[in-house]
Amino acid sequence: MLASLRAEPADVVIFGHSHLPHNEVVDGVRWFNPASAGPRRFDYPVAVGIIDRDGARHVALDTRSAAALERRMNQLSL
């Protein structure tokens, strides 16, 4: 993945499948996983990711997900 970015630079990389929220800037590139708005899996948050002019953020879709969003944020190794 990093070799591809060196060949064709990007400002944002959006990825998924893990359902884990991620919002991190590494070497000027934002790595963003919007999480999952579907049925709850394990103790993962039910949330949506939003990228707009003001930046990038996640919004929990229920009360239980607010704490899970904080606990599960940026757990992936890049």
C-alpha atoms as a PDB file:
ATOM      1  CA  MET A   1       0.000   0.000   0.000  1.00  0.00           C
ATOM      2  CA  LEU A   2       2.718   2.507   0.926  1.00  0.00           C
ATOM      3  CA  ALA A   3       4.579   1.798  -2.325  1.00  0.00           C
ATOM      4  CA  SER A   4       1.390   2.611  -4.249  1.00  0.00           C
ATOM      5  CA  LEU A   5       1.089   5.924  -2.411  1.00  0.00           C
ATOM      6  CA  ARG A   6       4.639   6.827  -3.300  1.00  0.00           C
ATOM      7  CA  ALA A   7       3.902   6.145  -6.978  1.00  0.00           C
ATOM      8  CA  GLU A   8       0.534   7.963  -6.946  1.00  0.00           C
ATOM      9  CA  PRO A   9       0.265  10.262  -3.916  1.00  0.00           C
ATOM     10  CA  ALA A  10      -3.075  10.680  -2.156  1.00  0.00           C
ATOM     11  CA  ASP A  11      -4.417  12.981   0.526  1.00  0.00           C
ATOM     12  CA  VAL A  12      -6.846  10.419   1.964  1.00  0.00           C
ATOM     13  CA  VAL A  13      -6.979   6.627   2.032  1.00  0.00           C
ATOM     14  CA  ILE A  14     -10.397   5.233   2.935  1.00  0.00           C
ATOM     15  CA  PHE A  15     -10.441   1.598   3.933  1.00  0.00           C
ATOM     16  CA  GLY A  16     -12.828  -0.768   5.627  1.00  0.00           C
ATOM     17  CA  HIS A  17     -13.706  -4.393   6.253  1.00  0.00           C
ATOM     18  CA  SER A  18     -12.455  -4.400   9.846  1.00  0.00           C
ATOM     19  CA  HIS A  19     -15.386  -2.221  11.050  1.00  0.00           C
ATOM     20  CA  LEU A  20     -12.911  -0.530  13.409  1.00  0.00           C
ATOM     21  CA  PRO A  21     -12.945   3.278  13.363  1.00  0.00           C
ATOM     22  CA  HIS A  22      -9.689   4.852  12.276  1.00  0.00           C
ATOM     23  CA  ASN A  23      -8.738   8.494  11.731  1.00  0.00           C
ATOM     24  CA  GLU A  24      -5.017   9.131  11.619  1.00  0.00           C
ATOM     25  CA  VAL A  25      -2.670  11.303   9.586  1.00  0.00           C
ATOM     26  CA  VAL A  26       0.674   9.668   8.784  1.00  0.00           C
ATOM     27  CA  ASP A  27       3.237  11.530   6.676  1.00  0.00           C
ATOM     28  CA  GLY A  28       0.556  13.925   5.447  1.00  0.00           C
ATOM     29  CA  VAL A  29      -1.899  11.205   4.392  1.00  0.00           C
ATOM     30  CA  ARG A  30      -5.172  10.718   6.290  1.00  0.00           C
ATOM     31  CA  TRP A  31      -6.018   7.036   6.869  1.00  0.00           C
ATOM     32  CA  PHE A  32      -9.750   6.716   7.497  1.00  0.00           C
ATOM     33  CA  ASN A  33     -12.003   3.775   8.261  1.00  0.00           C
ATOM     34  CA  PRO A  34     -15.612   4.947   8.666  1.00  0.00           C
ATOM     35  CA  ALA A  35     -16.496   2.087  11.074  1.00  0.00           C
ATOM     36  CA  SER A  36     -19.847   0.336  10.664  1.00  0.00           C
ATOM     37  CA  ALA A  37     -23.419   1.636  10.701  1.00  0.00           C
ATOM     38  CA  GLY A  38     -24.829  -1.889  10.414  1.00  0.00           C
ATOM     39  CA  PRO A  39     -25.759  -4.396  13.093  1.00  0.00           C
ATOM     40  CA  ARG A  40     -23.485  -4.431  16.147  1.00  0.00           C
ATOM     41  CA  ARG A  41     -20.551  -6.828  15.912  1.00  0.00           C
ATOM     42  CA  PHE A  42     -18.660  -7.818  19.035  1.00  0.00           C
ATOM     43  CA  ASP A  43     -18.136  -4.673  21.130  1.00  0.00           C
ATOM     44  CA  TYR A  44     -17.448  -2.461  18.110  1.00  0.00           C
ATOM     45  CA  PRO A  45     -19.216   0.889  17.878  1.00  0.00           C
ATOM     46  CA  VAL A  46     -22.152   1.461  15.570  1.00  0.00           C
ATOM     47  CA  ALA A  47     -21.020   4.687  13.954  1.00  0.00           C
ATOM     48  CA  VAL A  48     -20.542   6.587  10.726  1.00  0.00           C
ATOM     49  CA  GLY A  49     -17.457   8.369   9.504  1.00  0.00           C
ATOM     50  CA  ILE A  50     -17.704  11.832   7.999  1.00  0.00           C
ATOM     51  CA  ILE A  51     -15.103  13.703   5.965  1.00  0.00           C
ATOM     52  CA  ASP A  52     -15.885  17.295   5.029  1.00  0.00           C
ATOM     53  CA  ARG A  53     -14.197  20.697   4.781  1.00  0.00           C
ATOM     54  CA  ASP A  54     -13.893  20.855   8.569  1.00  0.00           C
ATOM     55  CA  GLY A  55     -11.937  17.593   8.792  1.00  0.00           C
ATOM     56  CA  ALA A  56     -12.801  13.984   9.537  1.00  0.00           C
ATOM     57  CA  ARG A  57     -14.745  12.555  12.439  1.00  0.00           C
ATOM     58  CA  HIS A  58     -16.881   9.663  13.609  1.00  0.00           C
ATOM     59  CA  VAL A  59     -20.391   9.926  15.014  1.00  0.00           C
ATOM     60  CA  ALA A  60     -21.749   7.234  17.329  1.00  0.00           C
ATOM     61  CA  LEU A  61     -25.275   6.146  16.375  1.00  0.00           C
ATOM     62  CA  ASP A  62     -26.329   5.033  19.843  1.00  0.00           C
ATOM     63  CA  THR A  63     -25.379   5.702  23.458  1.00  0.00           C
ATOM     64  CA  ARG A  64     -23.451   2.467  23.941  1.00  0.00           C
ATOM     65  CA  SER A  65     -21.309   3.206  20.894  1.00  0.00           C
ATOM     66  CA  ALA A  66     -19.921   6.494  22.221  1.00  0.00           C
ATOM     67  CA  ALA A  67     -17.580   4.741  24.684  1.00  0.00           C
ATOM     68  CA  ALA A  68     -16.811   1.959  22.203  1.00  0.00           C
ATOM     69  CA  LEU A  69     -15.846   4.569  19.613  1.00  0.00           C
ATOM     70  CA  GLU A  70     -13.207   6.017  21.928  1.00  0.00           C
ATOM     71  CA  ARG A  71     -11.992   2.591  23.033  1.00  0.00           C
ATOM     72  CA  ARG A  72     -11.703   1.168  19.508  1.00  0.00           C
ATOM     73  CA  MET A  73     -10.333   4.231  17.659  1.00  0.00           C
ATOM     74  CA  ASN A  74      -7.042   3.798  15.782  1.00  0.00           C
ATOM     75  CA  GLN A  75      -6.321   0.238  16.868  1.00  0.00           C
ATOM     76  CA  LEU A  76      -5.020  -0.782  13.452  1.00  0.00           C
ATOM     77  CA  SER A  77      -1.319  -0.747  12.636  1.00  0.00           C
ATOM     78  CA  LEU A  78      -0.419   1.158   9.507  1.00  0.00           C
END
